[in-house]
Each structure stands twice: as structure tokens, then as C-alpha cells.
Amino acid sequence: MSENKQQNQINIELSDEMAEGIYSNLAIITHSNAEFIIDFVKMMPGVPKAKVKSRIILTPQHAKRLMGALRENIGKFESIHGTIKESESNVPFTLGGPTAQA
């Protein structure tokens, strides 16, 4: 391996607890002029209250890179497995400030 390639590698650790992941079926996205905030929520059918399970705060640059990476990976997934059908249910959430849902 070239010396330059070794310098560009990052050693990322993933604990057993983190590797289990957290299920989310709703993402609420808000932003300010300096950051994007993505709250991952798990909603249960028939339960009017839901909890934020994880919050990720990104710079605008990292949010845009994430969007590009998701677009690329969804394209790869769909080329193998077919088009992902979007759910028609849309939970109306407004928590103040600019908001988008995914």
C-alpha cells in the first residue's frame, strides 16, 4: 500500500452497543444558519406520543455530503433491488423553525 493511501485511512471504532443500532421510522429535520439537526423518532401505531431516539447535529457542508452519499447509496440499492416505494402516510409535525421530514 502506498504511503499516501495509508495516511488517508481512518480507524473507526464501533462498540457492540452502537452496532445494534436504533430503529427509527421518522426523521425530523430542522436547521439554522450554522447547523442541520436531524431527530430520529420511533413512532408506534395508535400511540399519540413518540420519543426522539437519537439526535444528529451536522454542519451544512456535512449535511450536503450526507445527502449526496444517501442519494448514491439509494441509487445502488435500487439498481439491485428495484425502486423503493414511498409510504403515503405523512405525519404532520411542526416544532418551530424551518422543518422538513424524511
PDB file of N, CA and C in Angstrom:
ATOM      1  N   MET A   1       0.845  -1.174   0.000  1.00  0.00           N
ATOM      2  CA  MET A   1       0.000   0.000   0.000  1.00  0.00           C
ATOM      3  C   MET A   1       0.892   1.240   0.000  1.00  0.00           C
ATOM      4  N   SER A   2       0.519   2.233  -0.756  1.00  0.00           N
ATOM      5  CA  SER A   2       1.346   3.431  -0.819  1.00  0.00           C
ATOM      6  C   SER A   2       1.245   4.211   0.486  1.00  0.00           C
ATOM      7  N   GLU A   3       2.279   4.997   0.749  1.00  0.00           N
ATOM      8  CA  GLU A   3       2.322   5.777   1.995  1.00  0.00           C
ATOM      9  C   GLU A   3       1.194   6.798   2.030  1.00  0.00           C
ATOM     10  N   ASN A   4       0.867   7.409   0.884  1.00  0.00           N
ATOM     11  CA  ASN A   4      -0.194   8.403   0.812  1.00  0.00           C
ATOM     12  C   ASN A   4      -1.547   7.776   1.130  1.00  0.00           C
ATOM     13  N   LYS A   5      -1.805   6.571   0.637  1.00  0.00           N
ATOM     14  CA  LYS A   5      -3.072   5.896   0.893  1.00  0.00           C
ATOM     15  C   LYS A   5      -3.216   5.551   2.375  1.00  0.00           C
ATOM     16  N   GLN A   6      -2.118   5.152   3.021  1.00  0.00           N
ATOM     17  CA  GLN A   6      -2.155   4.832   4.451  1.00  0.00           C
ATOM     18  C   GLN A   6      -2.472   6.089   5.262  1.00  0.00           C
ATOM     19  N   GLN A   7      -1.988   7.248   4.859  1.00  0.00           N
ATOM     20  CA  GLN A   7      -2.241   8.480   5.593  1.00  0.00           C
ATOM     21  C   GLN A   7      -3.706   8.892   5.504  1.00  0.00           C
ATOM     22  N   ASN A   8      -4.417   8.498   4.454  1.00  0.00           N
ATOM     23  CA  ASN A   8      -5.814   8.877   4.268  1.00  0.00           C
ATOM     24  C   ASN A   8      -6.795   7.931   4.959  1.00  0.00           C
ATOM     25  N   GLN A   9      -6.331   6.843   5.548  1.00  0.00           N
ATOM     26  CA  GLN A   9      -7.206   5.895   6.212  1.00  0.00           C
ATOM     27  C   GLN A   9      -7.566   6.385   7.611  1.00  0.00           C
ATOM     28  N   ILE A  10      -8.791   6.112   8.000  1.00  0.00           N
ATOM     29  CA  ILE A  10      -9.268   6.474   9.334  1.00  0.00           C
ATOM     30  C   ILE A  10      -9.656   5.189  10.051  1.00  0.00           C
ATOM     31  N   ASN A  11      -9.191   5.030  11.263  1.00  0.00           N
ATOM     32  CA  ASN A  11      -9.545   3.880  12.080  1.00  0.00           C
ATOM     33  C   ASN A  11     -10.800   4.241  12.866  1.00  0.00           C
ATOM     34  N   ILE A  12     -11.933   3.607  12.521  1.00  0.00           N
ATOM     35  CA  ILE A  12     -13.207   3.912  13.162  1.00  0.00           C
ATOM     36  C   ILE A  12     -13.601   2.736  14.036  1.00  0.00           C
ATOM     37  N   GLU A  13     -13.920   3.031  15.298  1.00  0.00           N
ATOM     38  CA  GLU A  13     -14.326   2.001  16.246  1.00  0.00           C
ATOM     39  C   GLU A  13     -15.839   1.970  16.350  1.00  0.00           C
ATOM     40  N   LEU A  14     -16.400   0.777  16.436  1.00  0.00           N
ATOM     41  CA  LEU A  14     -17.836   0.602  16.581  1.00  0.00           C
ATOM     42  C   LEU A  14     -18.077  -0.345  17.753  1.00  0.00           C
ATOM     43  N   SER A  15     -18.606   0.207  18.844  1.00  0.00           N
ATOM     44  CA  SER A  15     -18.864  -0.619  20.028  1.00  0.00           C
ATOM     45  C   SER A  15     -20.003  -1.588  19.743  1.00  0.00           C
ATOM     46  N   ASP A  16     -20.094  -2.644  20.533  1.00  0.00           N
ATOM     47  CA  ASP A  16     -21.169  -3.623  20.377  1.00  0.00           C
ATOM     48  C   ASP A  16     -22.538  -2.965  20.555  1.00  0.00           C
ATOM     49  N   GLU A  17     -22.641  -2.078  21.539  1.00  0.00           N
ATOM     50  CA  GLU A  17     -23.911  -1.392  21.797  1.00  0.00           C
ATOM     51  C   GLU A  17     -24.311  -0.522  20.604  1.00  0.00           C
ATOM     52  N   MET A  18     -23.368   0.216  20.051  1.00  0.00           N
ATOM     53  CA  MET A  18     -23.657   1.081  18.913  1.00  0.00           C
ATOM     54  C   MET A  18     -23.965   0.252  17.668  1.00  0.00           C
ATOM     55  N   ALA A  19     -23.332  -0.898  17.529  1.00  0.00           N
ATOM     56  CA  ALA A  19     -23.542  -1.762  16.362  1.00  0.00           C
ATOM     57  C   ALA A  19     -24.972  -2.304  16.301  1.00  0.00           C
ATOM     58  N   GLU A  20     -25.643  -2.379  17.449  1.00  0.00           N
ATOM     59  CA  GLU A  20     -27.033  -2.834  17.469  1.00  0.00           C
ATOM     60  C   GLU A  20     -27.951  -1.852  16.765  1.00  0.00           C
ATOM     61  N   GLY A  21     -27.606  -0.579  16.771  1.00  0.00           N
ATOM     62  CA  GLY A  21     -28.409   0.430  16.104  1.00  0.00           C
ATOM     63  C   GLY A  21     -29.662   0.794  16.875  1.00  0.00           C
ATOM     64  N   ILE A  22     -30.353   1.802  16.380  1.00  0.00           N
ATOM     65  CA  ILE A  22     -31.609   2.263  16.968  1.00  0.00           C
ATOM     66  C   ILE A  22     -32.611   2.374  15.829  1.00  0.00           C
ATOM     67  N   TYR A  23     -33.783   1.758  15.979  1.00  0.00           N
ATOM     68  CA  TYR A  23     -34.797   1.799  14.947  1.00  0.00           C
ATOM     69  C   TYR A  23     -35.480   3.164  14.930  1.00  0.00           C
ATOM     70  N   SER A  24     -35.696   3.690  13.737  1.00  0.00           N
ATOM     71  CA  SER A  24     -36.404   4.948  13.566  1.00  0.00           C
ATOM     72  C   SER A  24     -37.282   4.846  12.330  1.00  0.00           C
ATOM     73  N   ASN A  25     -38.519   5.342  12.440  1.00  0.00           N
ATOM     74  CA  ASN A  25     -39.393   5.369  11.275  1.00  0.00           C
ATOM     75  C   ASN A  25     -39.863   6.784  10.946  1.00  0.00           C
ATOM     76  N   LEU A  26     -39.197   7.776  11.534  1.00  0.00           N
ATOM     77  CA  LEU A  26     -39.481   9.176  11.231  1.00  0.00           C
ATOM     78  C   LEU A  26     -38.229   9.992  11.521  1.00  0.00           C
ATOM     79  N   ALA A  27     -37.899  10.882  10.614  1.00  0.00           N
ATOM     80  CA  ALA A  27     -36.803  11.822  10.845  1.00  0.00           C
ATOM     81  C   ALA A  27     -37.362  13.225  10.717  1.00  0.00           C
ATOM     82  N   ILE A  28     -37.072  14.063  11.701  1.00  0.00           N
ATOM     83  CA  ILE A  28     -37.493  15.452  11.669  1.00  0.00           C
ATOM     84  C   ILE A  28     -36.234  16.295  11.513  1.00  0.00           C
ATOM     85  N   ILE A  29     -36.211  17.103  10.481  1.00  0.00           N
ATOM     86  CA  ILE A  29     -35.012  17.874  10.150  1.00  0.00           C
ATOM     87  C   ILE A  29     -35.303  19.355  10.325  1.00  0.00           C
ATOM     88  N   THR A  30     -34.480  20.017  11.127  1.00  0.00           N
ATOM     89  CA  THR A  30     -34.556  21.465  11.284  1.00  0.00           C
ATOM     90  C   THR A  30     -33.170  22.029  11.028  1.00  0.00           C
ATOM     91  N   HIS A  31     -33.110  23.331  10.796  1.00  0.00           N
ATOM     92  CA  HIS A  31     -31.798  23.927  10.549  1.00  0.00           C
ATOM     93  C   HIS A  31     -31.768  25.381  10.970  1.00  0.00           C
ATOM     94  N   SER A  32     -30.562  25.840  11.227  1.00  0.00           N
ATOM     95  CA  SER A  32     -30.280  27.252  11.467  1.00  0.00           C
ATOM     96  C   SER A  32     -29.276  27.668  10.406  1.00  0.00           C
ATOM     97  N   ASN A  33     -28.723  28.848  10.535  1.00  0.00           N
ATOM     98  CA  ASN A  33     -27.719  29.276   9.554  1.00  0.00           C
ATOM     99  C   ASN A  33     -26.396  28.539   9.742  1.00  0.00           C
ATOM    100  N   ALA A  34     -26.218  27.824  10.858  1.00  0.00           N
ATOM    101  CA  ALA A  34     -24.931  27.190  11.142  1.00  0.00           C
ATOM    102  C   ALA A  34     -24.979  25.672  11.226  1.00  0.00           C
ATOM    103  N   GLU A  35     -26.195  25.078  11.326  1.00  0.00           N
ATOM    104  CA  GLU A  35     -26.243  23.633  11.520  1.00  0.00           C
ATOM    105  C   GLU A  35     -27.579  23.039  11.073  1.00  0.00           C
ATOM    106  N   PHE A  36     -27.529  21.751  10.768  1.00  0.00           N
ATOM    107  CA  PHE A  36     -28.720  20.952  10.494  1.00  0.00           C
ATOM    108  C   PHE A  36     -28.869  19.987  11.659  1.00  0.00           C
ATOM    109  N   ILE A  37     -30.096  19.842  12.132  1.00  0.00           N
ATOM    110  CA  ILE A  37     -30.379  18.940  13.242  1.00  0.00           C
ATOM    111  C   ILE A  37     -31.356  17.888  12.736  1.00  0.00           C
ATOM    112  N   ILE A  38     -30.978  16.629  12.879  1.00  0.00           N
ATOM    113  CA  ILE A  38     -31.848  15.527  12.466  1.00  0.00           C
ATOM    114  C   ILE A  38     -32.223  14.744  13.717  1.00  0.00           C
ATOM    115  N   ASP A  39     -33.513  14.758  14.040  1.00  0.00           N
ATOM    116  CA  ASP A  39     -34.033  13.967  15.154  1.00  0.00           C
ATOM    117  C   ASP A  39     -34.643  12.695  14.586  1.00  0.00           C
ATOM    118  N   PHE A  40     -34.146  11.549  15.041  1.00  0.00           N
ATOM    119  CA  PHE A  40     -34.670  10.258  14.614  1.00  0.00           C
ATOM    120  C   PHE A  40     -35.662   9.784  15.675  1.00  0.00           C
ATOM    121  N   VAL A  41     -36.887   9.499  15.232  1.00  0.00           N
ATOM    122  CA  VAL A  41     -38.002   9.198  16.128  1.00  0.00           C
ATOM    123  C   VAL A  41     -38.544   7.803  15.811  1.00  0.00           C
ATOM    124  N   LYS A  42     -39.008   7.105  16.853  1.00  0.00           N
ATOM    125  CA  LYS A  42     -39.716   5.833  16.666  1.00  0.00           C
ATOM    126  C   LYS A  42     -41.163   6.053  17.059  1.00  0.00           C
ATOM    127  N   MET A  43     -42.043   5.962  16.066  1.00  0.00           N
ATOM    128  CA  MET A  43     -43.479   6.106  16.315  1.00  0.00           C
ATOM    129  C   MET A  43     -44.117   4.730  16.309  1.00  0.00           C
ATOM    130  N   MET A  44     -45.035   4.517  17.230  1.00  0.00           N
ATOM    131  CA  MET A  44     -45.753   3.248  17.305  1.00  0.00           C
ATOM    132  C   MET A  44     -47.197   3.479  16.862  1.00  0.00           C
ATOM    133  N   PRO A  45     -47.771   2.548  16.110  1.00  0.00           N
ATOM    134  CA  PRO A  45     -49.155   2.704  15.653  1.00  0.00           C
ATOM    135  C   PRO A  45     -50.113   2.873  16.827  1.00  0.00           C
ATOM    136  N   GLY A  46     -51.006   3.846  16.715  1.00  0.00           N
ATOM    137  CA  GLY A  46     -52.022   4.063  17.741  1.00  0.00           C
ATOM    138  C   GLY A  46     -51.528   4.774  18.986  1.00  0.00           C
ATOM    139  N   VAL A  47     -50.259   5.126  19.039  1.00  0.00           N
ATOM    140  CA  VAL A  47     -49.717   5.827  20.205  1.00  0.00           C
ATOM    141  C   VAL A  47     -49.461   7.280  19.796  1.00  0.00           C
ATOM    142  N   PRO A  48     -50.158   8.229  20.438  1.00  0.00           N
ATOM    143  CA  PRO A  48     -50.043   9.623  20.006  1.00  0.00           C
ATOM    144  C   PRO A  48     -48.731  10.307  20.412  1.00  0.00           C
ATOM    145  N   LYS A  49     -47.940   9.659  21.247  1.00  0.00           N
ATOM    146  CA  LYS A  49     -46.707  10.259  21.724  1.00  0.00           C
ATOM    147  C   LYS A  49     -45.521   9.433  21.230  1.00  0.00           C
ATOM    148  N   ALA A  50     -44.481  10.114  20.787  1.00  0.00           N
ATOM    149  CA  ALA A  50     -43.281   9.427  20.309  1.00  0.00           C
ATOM    150  C   ALA A  50     -42.058  10.112  20.907  1.00  0.00           C
ATOM    151  N   LYS A  51     -40.972   9.354  21.021  1.00  0.00           N
ATOM    152  CA  LYS A  51     -39.745   9.885  21.599  1.00  0.00           C
ATOM    153  C   LYS A  51     -38.654   9.988  20.555  1.00  0.00           C
ATOM    154  N   VAL A  52     -37.845  11.038  20.687  1.00  0.00           N
ATOM    155  CA  VAL A  52     -36.644  11.143  19.872  1.00  0.00           C
ATOM    156  C   VAL A  52     -35.671  10.096  20.393  1.00  0.00           C
ATOM    157  N   LYS A  53     -35.215   9.224  19.516  1.00  0.00           N
ATOM    158  CA  LYS A  53     -34.292   8.160  19.907  1.00  0.00           C
ATOM    159  C   LYS A  53     -32.847   8.559  19.698  1.00  0.00           C
ATOM    160  N   SER A  54     -32.612   9.496  18.767  1.00  0.00           N
ATOM    161  CA  SER A  54     -31.251   9.945  18.502  1.00  0.00           C
ATOM    162  C   SER A  54     -31.311  11.308  17.827  1.00  0.00           C
ATOM    163  N   ARG A  55     -30.350  12.165  18.139  1.00  0.00           N
ATOM    164  CA  ARG A  55     -30.251  13.483  17.506  1.00  0.00           C
ATOM    165  C   ARG A  55     -28.847  13.618  16.936  1.00  0.00           C
ATOM    166  N   ILE A  56     -28.779  13.979  15.666  1.00  0.00           N
ATOM    167  CA  ILE A  56     -27.504  14.198  14.994  1.00  0.00           C
ATOM    168  C   ILE A  56     -27.449  15.663  14.574  1.00  0.00           C
ATOM    169  N   ILE A  57     -26.356  16.333  14.900  1.00  0.00           N
ATOM    170  CA  ILE A  57     -26.164  17.733  14.539  1.00  0.00           C
ATOM    171  C   ILE A  57     -25.019  17.801  13.545  1.00  0.00           C
ATOM    172  N   LEU A  58     -25.291  18.411  12.382  1.00  0.00           N
ATOM    173  CA  LEU A  58     -24.324  18.465  11.286  1.00  0.00           C
ATOM    174  C   LEU A  58     -24.079  19.899  10.840  1.00  0.00           C
ATOM    175  N   THR A  59     -22.878  20.155  10.339  1.00  0.00           N
ATOM    176  CA  THR A  59     -22.641  21.427   9.667  1.00  0.00           C
ATOM    177  C   THR A  59     -23.374  21.374   8.329  1.00  0.00           C
ATOM    178  N   PRO A  60     -23.687  22.508   7.718  1.00  0.00           N
ATOM    179  CA  PRO A  60     -24.329  22.481   6.397  1.00  0.00           C
ATOM    180  C   PRO A  60     -23.515  21.687   5.370  1.00  0.00           C
ATOM    181  N   GLN A  61     -22.201  21.781   5.436  1.00  0.00           N
ATOM    182  CA  GLN A  61     -21.354  21.051   4.486  1.00  0.00           C
ATOM    183  C   GLN A  61     -21.499  19.537   4.671  1.00  0.00           C
ATOM    184  N   HIS A  62     -21.496  19.082   5.920  1.00  0.00           N
ATOM    185  CA  HIS A  62     -21.650  17.653   6.179  1.00  0.00           C
ATOM    186  C   HIS A  62     -23.064  17.171   5.841  1.00  0.00           C
ATOM    187  N   ALA A  63     -24.067  18.029   6.062  1.00  0.00           N
ATOM    188  CA  ALA A  63     -25.436  17.662   5.698  1.00  0.00           C
ATOM    189  C   ALA A  63     -25.533  17.443   4.185  1.00  0.00           C
ATOM    190  N   LYS A  64     -24.892  18.304   3.421  1.00  0.00           N
ATOM    191  CA  LYS A  64     -24.928  18.161   1.963  1.00  0.00           C
ATOM    192  C   LYS A  64     -24.170  16.906   1.519  1.00  0.00           C
ATOM    193  N   ARG A  65     -23.047  16.622   2.164  1.00  0.00           N
ATOM    194  CA  ARG A  65     -22.300  15.395   1.846  1.00  0.00           C
ATOM    195  C   ARG A  65     -23.126  14.155   2.201  1.00  0.00           C
ATOM    196  N   LEU A  66     -23.849  14.200   3.320  1.00  0.00           N
ATOM    197  CA  LEU A  66     -24.715  13.090   3.706  1.00  0.00           C
ATOM    198  C   LEU A  66     -25.809  12.887   2.670  1.00  0.00           C
ATOM    199  N   MET A  67     -26.423  13.994   2.215  1.00  0.00           N
ATOM    200  CA  MET A  67     -27.462  13.901   1.204  1.00  0.00           C
ATOM    201  C   MET A  67     -26.910  13.246  -0.073  1.00  0.00           C
ATOM    202  N   GLY A  68     -25.735  13.629  -0.494  1.00  0.00           N
ATOM    203  CA  GLY A  68     -25.119  13.032  -1.677  1.00  0.00           C
ATOM    204  C   GLY A  68     -24.819  11.556  -1.486  1.00  0.00           C
ATOM    205  N   ALA A  69     -24.307  11.204  -0.309  1.00  0.00           N
ATOM    206  CA  ALA A  69     -23.995   9.800  -0.026  1.00  0.00           C
ATOM    207  C   ALA A  69     -25.270   8.960   0.015  1.00  0.00           C
ATOM    208  N   LEU A  70     -26.346   9.493   0.600  1.00  0.00           N
ATOM    209  CA  LEU A  70     -27.620   8.774   0.619  1.00  0.00           C
ATOM    210  C   LEU A  70     -28.162   8.601  -0.794  1.00  0.00           C
ATOM    211  N   ARG A  71     -28.088   9.664  -1.603  1.00  0.00           N
ATOM    212  CA  ARG A  71     -28.572   9.592  -2.989  1.00  0.00           C
ATOM    213  C   ARG A  71     -27.814   8.501  -3.761  1.00  0.00           C
ATOM    214  N   GLU A  72     -26.494   8.483  -3.595  1.00  0.00           N
ATOM    215  CA  GLU A  72     -25.666   7.497  -4.282  1.00  0.00           C
ATOM    216  C   GLU A  72     -26.002   6.074  -3.823  1.00  0.00           C
ATOM    217  N   ASN A  73     -26.128   5.881  -2.517  1.00  0.00           N
ATOM    218  CA  ASN A  73     -26.402   4.549  -1.986  1.00  0.00           C
ATOM    219  C   ASN A  73     -27.814   4.073  -2.303  1.00  0.00           C
ATOM    220  N   ILE A  74     -28.785   4.975  -2.305  1.00  0.00           N
ATOM    221  CA  ILE A  74     -30.146   4.589  -2.691  1.00  0.00           C
ATOM    222  C   ILE A  74     -30.162   4.185  -4.161  1.00  0.00           C
ATOM    223  N   GLY A  75     -29.432   4.910  -4.992  1.00  0.00           N
ATOM    224  CA  GLY A  75     -29.329   4.540  -6.404  1.00  0.00           C
ATOM    225  C   GLY A  75     -28.748   3.147  -6.580  1.00  0.00           C
ATOM    226  N   LYS A  76     -27.696   2.834  -5.842  1.00  0.00           N
ATOM    227  CA  LYS A  76     -27.087   1.498  -5.915  1.00  0.00           C
ATOM    228  C   LYS A  76     -28.074   0.429  -5.442  1.00  0.00           C
ATOM    229  N   PHE A  77     -28.758   0.701  -4.336  1.00  0.00           N
ATOM    230  CA  PHE A  77     -29.742  -0.238  -3.793  1.00  0.00           C
ATOM    231  C   PHE A  77     -30.838  -0.512  -4.809  1.00  0.00           C
ATOM    232  N   GLU A  78     -31.400   0.574  -5.392  1.00  0.00           N
ATOM    233  CA  GLU A  78     -32.499   0.409  -6.337  1.00  0.00           C
ATOM    234  C   GLU A  78     -32.064  -0.279  -7.627  1.00  0.00           C
ATOM    235  N   SER A  79     -30.810  -0.111  -8.011  1.00  0.00           N
ATOM    236  CA  SER A  79     -30.341  -0.790  -9.222  1.00  0.00           C
ATOM    237  C   SER A  79     -30.281  -2.308  -9.014  1.00  0.00           C
ATOM    238  N   ILE A  80     -30.137  -2.737  -7.773  1.00  0.00           N
ATOM    239  CA  ILE A  80     -30.093  -4.167  -7.454  1.00  0.00           C
ATOM    240  C   ILE A  80     -31.482  -4.700  -7.081  1.00  0.00           C
ATOM    241  N   HIS A  81     -32.225  -3.952  -6.261  1.00  0.00           N
ATOM    242  CA  HIS A  81     -33.464  -4.451  -5.664  1.00  0.00           C
ATOM    243  C   HIS A  81     -34.729  -3.836  -6.242  1.00  0.00           C
ATOM    244  N   GLY A  82     -34.616  -2.880  -7.116  1.00  0.00           N
ATOM    245  CA  GLY A  82     -35.795  -2.211  -7.665  1.00  0.00           C
ATOM    246  C   GLY A  82     -36.132  -0.947  -6.897  1.00  0.00           C
ATOM    247  N   THR A  83     -37.053  -0.192  -7.451  1.00  0.00           N
ATOM    248  CA  THR A  83     -37.431   1.101  -6.880  1.00  0.00           C
ATOM    249  C   THR A  83     -38.033   0.942  -5.490  1.00  0.00           C
ATOM    250  N   ILE A  84     -37.616   1.787  -4.597  1.00  0.00           N
ATOM    251  CA  ILE A  84     -38.178   1.823  -3.244  1.00  0.00           C
ATOM    252  C   ILE A  84     -39.498   2.581  -3.321  1.00  0.00           C
ATOM    253  N   LYS A  85     -40.571   1.958  -2.848  1.00  0.00           N
ATOM    254  CA  LYS A  85     -41.872   2.616  -2.854  1.00  0.00           C
ATOM    255  C   LYS A  85     -41.991   3.479  -1.607  1.00  0.00           C
ATOM    256  N   GLU A  86     -42.398   4.730  -1.806  1.00  0.00           N
ATOM    257  CA  GLU A  86     -42.556   5.646  -0.686  1.00  0.00           C
ATOM    258  C   GLU A  86     -43.913   5.456  -0.034  1.00  0.00           C
ATOM    259  N   SER A  87     -43.934   5.590   1.292  1.00  0.00           N
ATOM    260  CA  SER A  87     -45.168   5.498   2.055  1.00  0.00           C
ATOM    261  C   SER A  87     -46.018   6.727   1.772  1.00  0.00           C
ATOM    262  N   GLU A  88     -47.333   6.532   1.748  1.00  0.00           N
ATOM    263  CA  GLU A  88     -48.221   7.660   1.505  1.00  0.00           C
ATOM    264  C   GLU A  88     -48.588   8.388   2.791  1.00  0.00           C
ATOM    265  N   SER A  89     -48.294   7.786   3.941  1.00  0.00           N
ATOM    266  CA  SER A  89     -48.620   8.445   5.202  1.00  0.00           C
ATOM    267  C   SER A  89     -47.631   9.565   5.460  1.00  0.00           C
ATOM    268  N   ASN A  90     -48.140  10.690   5.888  1.00  0.00           N
ATOM    269  CA  ASN A  90     -47.303  11.850   6.177  1.00  0.00           C
ATOM    270  C   ASN A  90     -47.742  12.422   7.514  1.00  0.00           C
ATOM    271  N   VAL A  91     -46.931  12.259   8.529  1.00  0.00           N
ATOM    272  CA  VAL A  91     -47.253  12.728   9.863  1.00  0.00           C
ATOM    273  C   VAL A  91     -46.999  14.233   9.922  1.00  0.00           C
ATOM    274  N   PRO A  92     -48.025  15.023  10.227  1.00  0.00           N
ATOM    275  CA  PRO A  92     -47.816  16.476  10.265  1.00  0.00           C
ATOM    276  C   PRO A  92     -47.105  16.899  11.547  1.00  0.00           C
ATOM    277  N   PHE A  93     -45.872  17.322  11.425  1.00  0.00           N
ATOM    278  CA  PHE A  93     -45.080  17.755  12.571  1.00  0.00           C
ATOM    279  C   PHE A  93     -44.545  19.149  12.293  1.00  0.00           C
ATOM    280  N   THR A  94     -44.765  20.069  13.189  1.00  0.00           N
ATOM    281  CA  THR A  94     -44.095  21.358  13.126  1.00  0.00           C
ATOM    282  C   THR A  94     -43.637  21.685  14.533  1.00  0.00           C
ATOM    283  N   LEU A  95     -42.345  21.863  14.685  1.00  0.00           N
ATOM    284  CA  LEU A  95     -41.783  22.126  16.012  1.00  0.00           C
ATOM    285  C   LEU A  95     -41.116  23.479  16.070  1.00  0.00           C
ATOM    286  N   GLY A  96     -41.447  24.366  15.155  1.00  0.00           N
ATOM    287  CA  GLY A  96     -40.831  25.689  15.111  1.00  0.00           C
ATOM    288  C   GLY A  96     -39.589  25.693  14.234  1.00  0.00           C
ATOM    289  N   GLY A  97     -39.376  26.770  13.542  1.00  0.00           N
ATOM    290  CA  GLY A  97     -38.221  26.887  12.665  1.00  0.00           C
ATOM    291  C   GLY A  97     -38.445  26.122  11.371  1.00  0.00           C
ATOM    292  N   PRO A  98     -37.519  26.257  10.439  1.00  0.00           N
ATOM    293  CA  PRO A  98     -37.647  25.537   9.175  1.00  0.00           C
ATOM    294  C   PRO A  98     -37.579  24.034   9.427  1.00  0.00           C
ATOM    295  N   THR A  99     -38.541  23.296   8.910  1.00  0.00           N
ATOM    296  CA  THR A  99     -38.625  21.861   9.173  1.00  0.00           C
ATOM    297  C   THR A  99     -38.894  21.099   7.890  1.00  0.00           C
ATOM    298  N   ALA A 100     -38.247  19.972   7.773  1.00  0.00           N
ATOM    299  CA  ALA A 100     -38.537  19.034   6.691  1.00  0.00           C
ATOM    300  C   ALA A 100     -38.612  17.655   7.307  1.00  0.00           C
ATOM    301  N   GLN A 101     -39.268  16.732   6.630  1.00  0.00           N
ATOM    302  CA  GLN A 101     -39.401  15.376   7.158  1.00  0.00           C
ATOM    303  C   GLN A 101     -38.857  14.379   6.156  1.00  0.00           C
ATOM    304  N   ALA A 102     -38.353  13.286   6.682  1.00  0.00           N
ATOM    305  CA  ALA A 102     -37.885  12.201   5.820  1.00  0.00           C
ATOM    306  C   ALA A 102     -38.315  10.891   6.415  1.00  0.00           C
TER     307      ALA A 102
END
